[in-house]
N, C-alpha and C. Protein backbone atom coordinates (compact mmCIF):
# COMPACT_ATOMS: atom_id res chain seq x y z
N UNK A 1 97.23 157.75 11.55
CA UNK A 1 96.18 158.72 11.38
C UNK A 1 95.45 158.43 10.06
N UNK A 2 94.26 158.88 9.97
CA UNK A 2 93.47 158.70 8.76
C UNK A 2 93.57 159.96 7.91
N UNK A 3 92.96 159.92 6.74
CA UNK A 3 92.99 161.10 5.87
C UNK A 3 92.36 162.31 6.54
N UNK A 4 91.35 162.09 7.38
CA UNK A 4 90.62 163.18 8.02
C UNK A 4 91.07 163.44 9.45
N UNK A 5 92.19 162.89 9.85
CA UNK A 5 92.68 163.12 11.20
C UNK A 5 92.88 161.82 11.95
N UNK A 6 93.00 161.92 13.26
CA UNK A 6 93.28 160.73 14.07
C UNK A 6 92.14 159.71 14.00
N UNK A 7 92.46 158.43 14.14
CA UNK A 7 91.40 157.44 14.19
C UNK A 7 90.54 157.66 15.43
N UNK A 8 89.28 157.38 15.30
CA UNK A 8 88.34 157.41 16.42
C UNK A 8 87.97 158.81 16.89
N UNK A 9 88.44 159.84 16.22
CA UNK A 9 88.19 161.20 16.66
C UNK A 9 86.69 161.50 16.78
N UNK A 10 85.90 161.06 15.80
CA UNK A 10 84.46 161.34 15.84
C UNK A 10 83.81 160.71 17.07
N UNK A 11 84.15 159.47 17.38
CA UNK A 11 83.58 158.82 18.56
C UNK A 11 84.04 159.51 19.83
N UNK A 12 85.32 159.79 19.94
CA UNK A 12 85.84 160.45 21.14
C UNK A 12 85.17 161.80 21.34
N UNK A 13 84.90 162.49 20.26
CA UNK A 13 84.24 163.80 20.34
C UNK A 13 82.77 163.65 20.73
N UNK A 14 82.13 162.57 20.30
CA UNK A 14 80.70 162.37 20.56
C UNK A 14 80.40 161.83 21.96
N UNK A 15 81.37 161.20 22.59
CA UNK A 15 81.12 160.52 23.87
C UNK A 15 80.46 161.40 24.92
N UNK A 16 80.92 162.63 25.18
CA UNK A 16 80.25 163.42 26.22
C UNK A 16 78.75 163.63 25.94
N UNK A 17 78.38 163.88 24.69
CA UNK A 17 76.97 164.06 24.36
C UNK A 17 76.17 162.79 24.55
N UNK A 18 76.75 161.66 24.19
CA UNK A 18 76.08 160.37 24.38
C UNK A 18 75.85 160.13 25.87
N UNK A 19 76.87 160.36 26.67
CA UNK A 19 76.75 160.17 28.11
C UNK A 19 75.72 161.12 28.70
N UNK A 20 75.73 162.36 28.28
CA UNK A 20 74.77 163.35 28.79
C UNK A 20 73.34 162.87 28.48
N UNK A 21 73.13 162.35 27.27
CA UNK A 21 71.79 161.87 26.90
C UNK A 21 71.38 160.68 27.77
N UNK A 22 72.31 159.78 28.06
CA UNK A 22 71.99 158.62 28.89
C UNK A 22 71.63 159.02 30.32
N UNK A 23 72.16 160.15 30.76
CA UNK A 23 71.95 160.57 32.14
C UNK A 23 70.80 161.57 32.30
N UNK A 24 70.10 161.87 31.21
CA UNK A 24 69.08 162.91 31.20
C UNK A 24 68.08 162.79 32.34
N UNK A 25 67.57 161.61 32.59
CA UNK A 25 66.52 161.43 33.60
C UNK A 25 67.02 160.85 34.91
N UNK A 26 68.33 160.74 35.08
CA UNK A 26 68.86 160.17 36.31
C UNK A 26 68.92 161.22 37.42
N UNK A 27 68.47 160.84 38.59
CA UNK A 27 68.61 161.70 39.77
C UNK A 27 69.97 161.43 40.41
N UNK A 28 70.30 162.20 41.41
CA UNK A 28 71.53 161.96 42.17
C UNK A 28 71.51 160.56 42.78
N UNK A 29 70.36 160.16 43.32
CA UNK A 29 70.24 158.82 43.92
C UNK A 29 70.43 157.74 42.84
N UNK A 30 69.89 157.96 41.66
CA UNK A 30 70.08 157.01 40.56
C UNK A 30 71.55 156.90 40.21
N UNK A 31 72.23 158.04 40.15
CA UNK A 31 73.65 158.06 39.77
C UNK A 31 74.53 157.37 40.80
N UNK A 32 74.10 157.34 42.05
CA UNK A 32 74.89 156.72 43.11
C UNK A 32 74.49 155.25 43.36
N UNK A 33 73.41 154.80 42.72
CA UNK A 33 72.93 153.42 42.91
C UNK A 33 73.93 152.42 42.34
N UNK A 34 74.15 151.35 43.11
CA UNK A 34 75.04 150.27 42.68
C UNK A 34 74.23 148.98 42.62
N UNK A 35 74.32 148.25 41.54
CA UNK A 35 73.57 147.00 41.44
C UNK A 35 74.09 145.91 42.38
N UNK A 36 75.32 146.04 42.82
CA UNK A 36 75.94 145.13 43.77
C UNK A 36 77.14 145.86 44.37
N UNK A 37 77.55 145.49 45.58
CA UNK A 37 78.65 146.21 46.24
C UNK A 37 79.94 146.27 45.41
N UNK A 38 80.22 145.24 44.64
CA UNK A 38 81.48 145.21 43.88
C UNK A 38 81.36 145.87 42.52
N UNK A 39 80.19 146.36 42.17
CA UNK A 39 79.97 146.99 40.86
C UNK A 39 80.05 148.52 40.99
N UNK A 40 80.32 149.18 39.87
CA UNK A 40 80.39 150.65 39.86
C UNK A 40 79.00 151.25 39.72
N UNK A 41 78.81 152.41 40.31
CA UNK A 41 77.62 153.23 40.07
C UNK A 41 77.92 154.14 38.88
N UNK A 42 76.90 154.82 38.38
CA UNK A 42 77.11 155.81 37.31
C UNK A 42 78.09 156.88 37.81
N UNK A 43 77.92 157.33 39.04
CA UNK A 43 78.81 158.36 39.59
C UNK A 43 80.26 157.88 39.60
N UNK A 44 80.49 156.63 39.97
CA UNK A 44 81.85 156.10 40.00
C UNK A 44 82.42 155.93 38.58
N UNK A 45 81.58 155.55 37.63
CA UNK A 45 82.04 155.45 36.24
C UNK A 45 82.45 156.83 35.74
N UNK A 46 81.65 157.84 36.05
CA UNK A 46 81.99 159.21 35.62
C UNK A 46 83.29 159.68 36.27
N UNK A 47 83.49 159.37 37.53
CA UNK A 47 84.74 159.73 38.20
C UNK A 47 85.91 159.02 37.55
N UNK A 48 85.71 157.75 37.19
CA UNK A 48 86.76 157.00 36.50
C UNK A 48 87.08 157.62 35.15
N UNK A 49 86.06 157.97 34.39
CA UNK A 49 86.28 158.60 33.08
C UNK A 49 87.04 159.92 33.24
N UNK A 50 86.65 160.70 34.22
CA UNK A 50 87.31 161.98 34.45
C UNK A 50 88.78 161.77 34.81
N UNK A 51 89.03 160.83 35.70
CA UNK A 51 90.39 160.54 36.12
C UNK A 51 91.23 160.00 34.96
N UNK A 52 90.67 159.06 34.22
CA UNK A 52 91.39 158.44 33.10
C UNK A 52 91.71 159.44 32.00
N UNK A 53 90.82 160.38 31.80
CA UNK A 53 91.00 161.35 30.71
C UNK A 53 92.30 162.12 30.85
N UNK A 54 92.62 162.53 32.07
CA UNK A 54 93.85 163.28 32.27
C UNK A 54 95.01 162.41 32.72
N UNK A 55 94.75 161.56 33.71
CA UNK A 55 95.81 160.75 34.31
C UNK A 55 96.38 159.74 33.32
N UNK A 56 95.56 159.21 32.48
CA UNK A 56 96.01 158.19 31.54
C UNK A 56 96.14 158.75 30.12
N UNK A 57 95.02 159.11 29.52
CA UNK A 57 95.04 159.42 28.09
C UNK A 57 95.79 160.70 27.73
N UNK A 58 95.52 161.79 28.42
CA UNK A 58 96.22 163.02 28.06
C UNK A 58 97.72 162.89 28.32
N UNK A 59 98.05 162.31 29.46
CA UNK A 59 99.46 162.12 29.78
C UNK A 59 100.14 161.28 28.70
N UNK A 60 99.47 160.23 28.25
CA UNK A 60 100.07 159.38 27.21
C UNK A 60 100.20 160.12 25.88
N UNK A 61 99.19 160.91 25.51
CA UNK A 61 99.31 161.69 24.28
C UNK A 61 100.53 162.59 24.33
N UNK A 62 100.67 163.32 25.43
CA UNK A 62 101.81 164.23 25.56
C UNK A 62 103.13 163.48 25.50
N UNK A 63 103.20 162.35 26.15
CA UNK A 63 104.46 161.59 26.17
C UNK A 63 104.74 160.97 24.80
N UNK A 64 103.70 160.51 24.10
CA UNK A 64 103.91 160.00 22.74
C UNK A 64 104.59 161.05 21.88
N UNK A 65 104.17 162.31 22.05
CA UNK A 65 104.69 163.37 21.20
C UNK A 65 106.02 163.94 21.69
N UNK A 66 106.27 163.89 22.97
CA UNK A 66 107.47 164.53 23.53
C UNK A 66 108.66 163.59 23.66
N UNK A 67 108.41 162.28 23.72
CA UNK A 67 109.49 161.33 24.00
C UNK A 67 109.63 160.33 22.86
N UNK A 68 110.80 159.78 22.76
CA UNK A 68 111.03 158.67 21.85
C UNK A 68 110.74 157.39 22.61
N UNK A 69 109.75 156.67 22.16
CA UNK A 69 109.35 155.39 22.74
C UNK A 69 109.17 155.45 24.27
N UNK A 70 108.22 156.28 24.73
CA UNK A 70 107.97 156.35 26.18
C UNK A 70 107.47 155.00 26.72
N UNK A 71 107.65 154.82 28.02
CA UNK A 71 107.17 153.61 28.68
C UNK A 71 105.94 153.96 29.52
N UNK A 72 104.88 153.15 29.34
CA UNK A 72 103.63 153.37 30.06
C UNK A 72 103.35 152.24 31.03
N UNK A 73 102.97 152.62 32.23
CA UNK A 73 102.52 151.65 33.23
C UNK A 73 101.09 151.24 32.90
N UNK A 74 100.70 150.02 33.28
CA UNK A 74 99.29 149.64 33.13
C UNK A 74 98.41 150.54 33.98
N UNK A 75 97.19 150.78 33.53
CA UNK A 75 96.24 151.59 34.26
C UNK A 75 95.11 150.68 34.72
N UNK A 76 94.83 150.68 36.03
CA UNK A 76 93.83 149.78 36.59
C UNK A 76 92.83 150.59 37.40
N UNK A 77 91.58 150.62 36.94
CA UNK A 77 90.54 151.38 37.63
C UNK A 77 90.38 150.94 39.08
N UNK A 78 90.60 149.67 39.36
CA UNK A 78 90.43 149.15 40.71
C UNK A 78 91.40 149.83 41.69
N UNK A 79 92.54 150.31 41.18
CA UNK A 79 93.53 150.97 42.04
C UNK A 79 93.00 152.28 42.61
N UNK A 80 92.00 152.86 41.95
CA UNK A 80 91.55 154.21 42.31
C UNK A 80 90.13 154.22 42.88
N UNK A 81 89.64 153.09 43.36
CA UNK A 81 88.27 153.02 43.85
C UNK A 81 87.98 154.06 44.94
N UNK A 82 88.91 154.29 45.83
CA UNK A 82 88.69 155.27 46.89
C UNK A 82 88.51 156.67 46.32
N UNK A 83 89.21 156.97 45.25
CA UNK A 83 89.08 158.26 44.59
C UNK A 83 87.69 158.42 43.96
N UNK A 84 87.14 157.34 43.45
CA UNK A 84 85.85 157.39 42.74
C UNK A 84 84.65 157.31 43.68
N UNK A 85 84.82 156.71 44.83
CA UNK A 85 83.71 156.33 45.71
C UNK A 85 82.77 157.48 46.07
N UNK A 86 83.29 158.61 46.44
CA UNK A 86 82.44 159.71 46.91
C UNK A 86 82.36 160.87 45.92
N UNK A 87 82.74 160.62 44.68
CA UNK A 87 82.75 161.70 43.69
C UNK A 87 81.33 162.19 43.39
N UNK A 88 81.21 163.48 43.20
CA UNK A 88 79.94 164.08 42.79
C UNK A 88 79.76 163.80 41.29
N UNK A 89 78.66 163.19 40.88
CA UNK A 89 78.51 162.80 39.48
C UNK A 89 78.55 163.99 38.51
N UNK A 90 77.92 165.08 38.87
CA UNK A 90 77.90 166.25 37.96
C UNK A 90 79.27 166.88 37.86
N UNK A 91 79.97 167.01 38.99
CA UNK A 91 81.33 167.55 38.96
C UNK A 91 82.27 166.66 38.15
N UNK A 92 82.14 165.35 38.35
CA UNK A 92 83.00 164.41 37.61
C UNK A 92 82.73 164.52 36.12
N UNK A 93 81.44 164.59 35.75
CA UNK A 93 81.12 164.69 34.33
C UNK A 93 81.64 166.00 33.75
N UNK A 94 81.43 167.10 34.45
CA UNK A 94 81.91 168.40 33.96
C UNK A 94 83.42 168.38 33.76
N UNK A 95 84.14 167.80 34.70
CA UNK A 95 85.60 167.71 34.60
C UNK A 95 86.00 166.83 33.42
N UNK A 96 85.32 165.70 33.27
CA UNK A 96 85.56 164.82 32.12
C UNK A 96 85.34 165.57 30.81
N UNK A 97 84.23 166.27 30.71
CA UNK A 97 83.86 166.97 29.48
C UNK A 97 84.89 168.05 29.12
N UNK A 98 85.34 168.79 30.12
CA UNK A 98 86.36 169.83 29.90
C UNK A 98 87.67 169.22 29.42
N UNK A 99 88.09 168.14 30.08
CA UNK A 99 89.33 167.47 29.67
C UNK A 99 89.20 166.87 28.28
N UNK A 100 88.04 166.31 27.96
CA UNK A 100 87.85 165.72 26.64
C UNK A 100 87.96 166.79 25.55
N UNK A 101 87.38 167.95 25.80
CA UNK A 101 87.50 169.05 24.83
C UNK A 101 88.97 169.39 24.58
N UNK A 102 89.74 169.45 25.65
CA UNK A 102 91.18 169.74 25.52
C UNK A 102 91.88 168.63 24.74
N UNK A 103 91.53 167.38 25.02
CA UNK A 103 92.16 166.26 24.31
C UNK A 103 91.78 166.25 22.84
N UNK A 104 90.55 166.58 22.51
CA UNK A 104 90.13 166.63 21.10
C UNK A 104 90.93 167.72 20.38
N UNK A 105 91.09 168.86 21.02
CA UNK A 105 91.89 169.93 20.42
C UNK A 105 93.33 169.46 20.19
N UNK A 106 93.89 168.78 21.16
CA UNK A 106 95.25 168.23 21.04
C UNK A 106 95.31 167.28 19.85
N UNK A 107 94.35 166.37 19.75
CA UNK A 107 94.32 165.39 18.67
C UNK A 107 94.18 166.05 17.30
N UNK A 108 93.39 167.09 17.23
CA UNK A 108 93.17 167.78 15.96
C UNK A 108 94.44 168.49 15.47
N UNK A 109 95.35 168.76 16.37
CA UNK A 109 96.58 169.47 16.00
C UNK A 109 97.80 168.56 15.84
N UNK A 110 97.58 167.25 15.85
CA UNK A 110 98.70 166.32 15.68
C UNK A 110 99.21 166.37 14.24
N UNK A 111 100.51 166.26 14.07
CA UNK A 111 101.06 166.24 12.71
C UNK A 111 100.78 164.91 12.02
N UNK A 112 100.85 164.92 10.71
CA UNK A 112 100.70 163.68 9.94
C UNK A 112 101.75 162.68 10.42
N UNK A 113 101.38 161.45 10.49
CA UNK A 113 102.30 160.40 10.90
C UNK A 113 102.39 160.19 12.40
N UNK A 114 101.73 161.02 13.19
CA UNK A 114 101.81 160.89 14.65
C UNK A 114 101.27 159.56 15.14
N UNK A 115 100.31 159.01 14.42
CA UNK A 115 99.71 157.73 14.81
C UNK A 115 100.69 156.58 14.79
N UNK A 116 101.81 156.75 14.06
CA UNK A 116 102.81 155.70 13.97
C UNK A 116 103.85 155.76 15.09
N UNK A 117 103.79 156.79 15.91
CA UNK A 117 104.75 156.91 17.01
C UNK A 117 104.60 155.73 17.95
N UNK A 118 105.71 155.28 18.51
CA UNK A 118 105.74 154.06 19.32
C UNK A 118 105.93 154.36 20.80
N UNK A 119 105.37 153.46 21.60
CA UNK A 119 105.58 153.48 23.05
C UNK A 119 105.69 152.03 23.51
N UNK A 120 106.24 151.86 24.69
CA UNK A 120 106.31 150.54 25.29
C UNK A 120 105.32 150.51 26.44
N UNK A 121 104.30 149.70 26.30
CA UNK A 121 103.33 149.51 27.37
C UNK A 121 103.82 148.32 28.19
N UNK A 122 103.98 148.51 29.48
CA UNK A 122 104.61 147.47 30.32
C UNK A 122 103.79 146.20 30.43
N UNK A 123 102.52 146.25 30.04
CA UNK A 123 101.71 145.04 30.05
C UNK A 123 101.56 144.44 28.65
N UNK A 124 101.46 145.29 27.62
CA UNK A 124 101.13 144.82 26.27
C UNK A 124 102.28 144.89 25.27
N UNK A 125 103.39 145.46 25.67
CA UNK A 125 104.52 145.57 24.76
C UNK A 125 104.43 146.82 23.90
N UNK A 126 105.03 146.74 22.73
CA UNK A 126 105.09 147.91 21.85
C UNK A 126 103.71 148.23 21.27
N UNK A 127 103.33 149.52 21.39
CA UNK A 127 102.05 149.99 20.85
C UNK A 127 102.30 151.27 20.06
N UNK A 128 101.41 151.54 19.12
CA UNK A 128 101.45 152.82 18.40
C UNK A 128 100.41 153.76 18.99
N UNK A 129 100.54 155.03 18.68
CA UNK A 129 99.55 155.99 19.13
C UNK A 129 98.19 155.65 18.54
N UNK A 130 98.14 155.23 17.28
CA UNK A 130 96.86 154.85 16.67
C UNK A 130 96.21 153.69 17.42
N UNK A 131 97.00 152.74 17.86
CA UNK A 131 96.45 151.64 18.64
C UNK A 131 95.87 152.14 19.96
N UNK A 132 96.57 153.08 20.60
CA UNK A 132 96.05 153.64 21.84
C UNK A 132 94.74 154.38 21.59
N UNK A 133 94.64 155.09 20.48
CA UNK A 133 93.40 155.81 20.18
C UNK A 133 92.24 154.84 19.96
N UNK A 134 92.50 153.72 19.33
CA UNK A 134 91.46 152.71 19.17
C UNK A 134 91.08 152.09 20.51
N UNK A 135 92.07 151.88 21.38
CA UNK A 135 91.77 151.37 22.72
C UNK A 135 90.94 152.39 23.50
N UNK A 136 91.23 153.67 23.30
CA UNK A 136 90.48 154.74 23.95
C UNK A 136 89.01 154.67 23.53
N UNK A 137 88.77 154.44 22.24
CA UNK A 137 87.39 154.29 21.75
C UNK A 137 86.73 153.07 22.39
N UNK A 138 87.47 151.97 22.49
CA UNK A 138 86.94 150.78 23.16
C UNK A 138 86.56 151.10 24.61
N UNK A 139 87.41 151.85 25.28
CA UNK A 139 87.18 152.26 26.66
C UNK A 139 85.90 153.09 26.75
N UNK A 140 85.78 154.08 25.89
CA UNK A 140 84.57 154.91 25.89
C UNK A 140 83.32 154.07 25.67
N UNK A 141 83.34 153.24 24.65
CA UNK A 141 82.16 152.43 24.33
C UNK A 141 81.79 151.48 25.46
N UNK A 142 82.79 150.93 26.11
CA UNK A 142 82.51 150.05 27.25
C UNK A 142 81.80 150.78 28.37
N UNK A 143 82.23 152.01 28.64
CA UNK A 143 81.60 152.77 29.72
C UNK A 143 80.27 153.37 29.29
N UNK A 144 80.10 153.67 28.02
CA UNK A 144 78.78 154.07 27.51
C UNK A 144 77.80 152.92 27.73
N UNK A 145 78.22 151.70 27.36
CA UNK A 145 77.37 150.52 27.57
C UNK A 145 77.07 150.33 29.05
N UNK A 146 78.09 150.50 29.89
CA UNK A 146 77.92 150.31 31.32
C UNK A 146 76.91 151.30 31.89
N UNK A 147 77.04 152.56 31.53
CA UNK A 147 76.10 153.57 32.04
C UNK A 147 74.70 153.32 31.48
N UNK A 148 74.60 152.90 30.22
CA UNK A 148 73.29 152.57 29.65
C UNK A 148 72.64 151.43 30.43
N UNK A 149 73.40 150.40 30.76
CA UNK A 149 72.86 149.26 31.50
C UNK A 149 72.44 149.68 32.91
N UNK A 150 73.24 150.52 33.55
CA UNK A 150 72.87 151.00 34.88
C UNK A 150 71.58 151.81 34.82
N UNK A 151 71.46 152.69 33.83
CA UNK A 151 70.24 153.49 33.68
C UNK A 151 69.04 152.59 33.38
N UNK A 152 69.22 151.61 32.52
CA UNK A 152 68.12 150.69 32.19
C UNK A 152 67.64 149.97 33.45
N UNK A 153 68.58 149.45 34.23
CA UNK A 153 68.22 148.67 35.41
C UNK A 153 67.62 149.53 36.51
N UNK A 154 68.18 150.70 36.72
CA UNK A 154 67.73 151.55 37.82
C UNK A 154 66.46 152.32 37.49
N UNK A 155 66.39 152.86 36.28
CA UNK A 155 65.34 153.84 35.97
C UNK A 155 64.14 153.26 35.23
N UNK A 156 64.34 152.26 34.39
CA UNK A 156 63.28 151.88 33.46
C UNK A 156 62.78 150.45 33.61
N UNK A 157 63.57 149.56 34.17
CA UNK A 157 63.18 148.16 34.25
C UNK A 157 61.87 147.96 35.04
N UNK A 158 61.79 148.52 36.23
CA UNK A 158 60.60 148.33 37.06
C UNK A 158 59.35 148.90 36.38
N UNK A 159 59.50 150.02 35.70
CA UNK A 159 58.36 150.66 35.05
C UNK A 159 57.86 149.93 33.81
N UNK A 160 58.66 148.99 33.31
CA UNK A 160 58.25 148.26 32.11
C UNK A 160 57.32 147.11 32.44
N UNK A 161 57.07 146.89 33.72
CA UNK A 161 56.14 145.84 34.13
C UNK A 161 56.57 144.47 33.63
N UNK A 162 55.61 143.66 33.20
CA UNK A 162 55.93 142.30 32.78
C UNK A 162 56.84 142.24 31.55
N UNK A 163 56.86 143.31 30.75
CA UNK A 163 57.72 143.32 29.56
C UNK A 163 59.20 143.34 29.91
N UNK A 164 59.53 143.77 31.12
CA UNK A 164 60.94 143.82 31.54
C UNK A 164 61.57 142.43 31.58
N UNK A 165 60.75 141.40 31.73
CA UNK A 165 61.28 140.04 31.81
C UNK A 165 62.00 139.62 30.54
N UNK A 166 61.71 140.28 29.42
CA UNK A 166 62.35 139.90 28.16
C UNK A 166 63.73 140.52 28.00
N UNK A 167 64.16 141.32 28.96
CA UNK A 167 65.47 141.97 28.89
C UNK A 167 66.43 141.30 29.87
N UNK A 168 67.60 140.97 29.39
CA UNK A 168 68.63 140.35 30.22
C UNK A 168 69.65 141.43 30.58
N UNK A 169 69.31 142.22 31.59
CA UNK A 169 70.17 143.34 31.97
C UNK A 169 71.37 142.86 32.75
N UNK A 170 72.51 143.54 32.51
CA UNK A 170 73.75 143.21 33.21
C UNK A 170 74.43 144.50 33.65
N UNK A 171 73.80 145.19 34.62
CA UNK A 171 74.39 146.48 35.03
C UNK A 171 75.66 146.31 35.83
């Protein structure tokens, strides 16, 4: 933990607002648009974030605090594609936002030294809670980038006319 609390707390707290801003002008059709069949839509990313928030991150926080060296299974978004496929984007976002608020409250109440608690991740070996929090920030930033790229490609690229050619979008 840092002097002011858990690492990455500010970013984790800001993520819902950043995502909300990125989705400001997206319609339901925009949110469900996929750049290719094997790629995620904004709606599927939101469903993944909602699912990960409770299924992965909250569960791991609780286990870090309740158990001595808990063991964590790898988490793979591809395993849950059917769960994400038909999710309502607004419902998924609302659920994500509610869970994130609960997780921020949990993080704010952690005792000093909690970041040093250890777990065994079955794919990566021994990890600390602080390392997981940094990975959580990486996860958030990756999906913020992903949603930004999807919004850029779906909503704004065509309207930029010939200037769009100077952008190398990767939604």
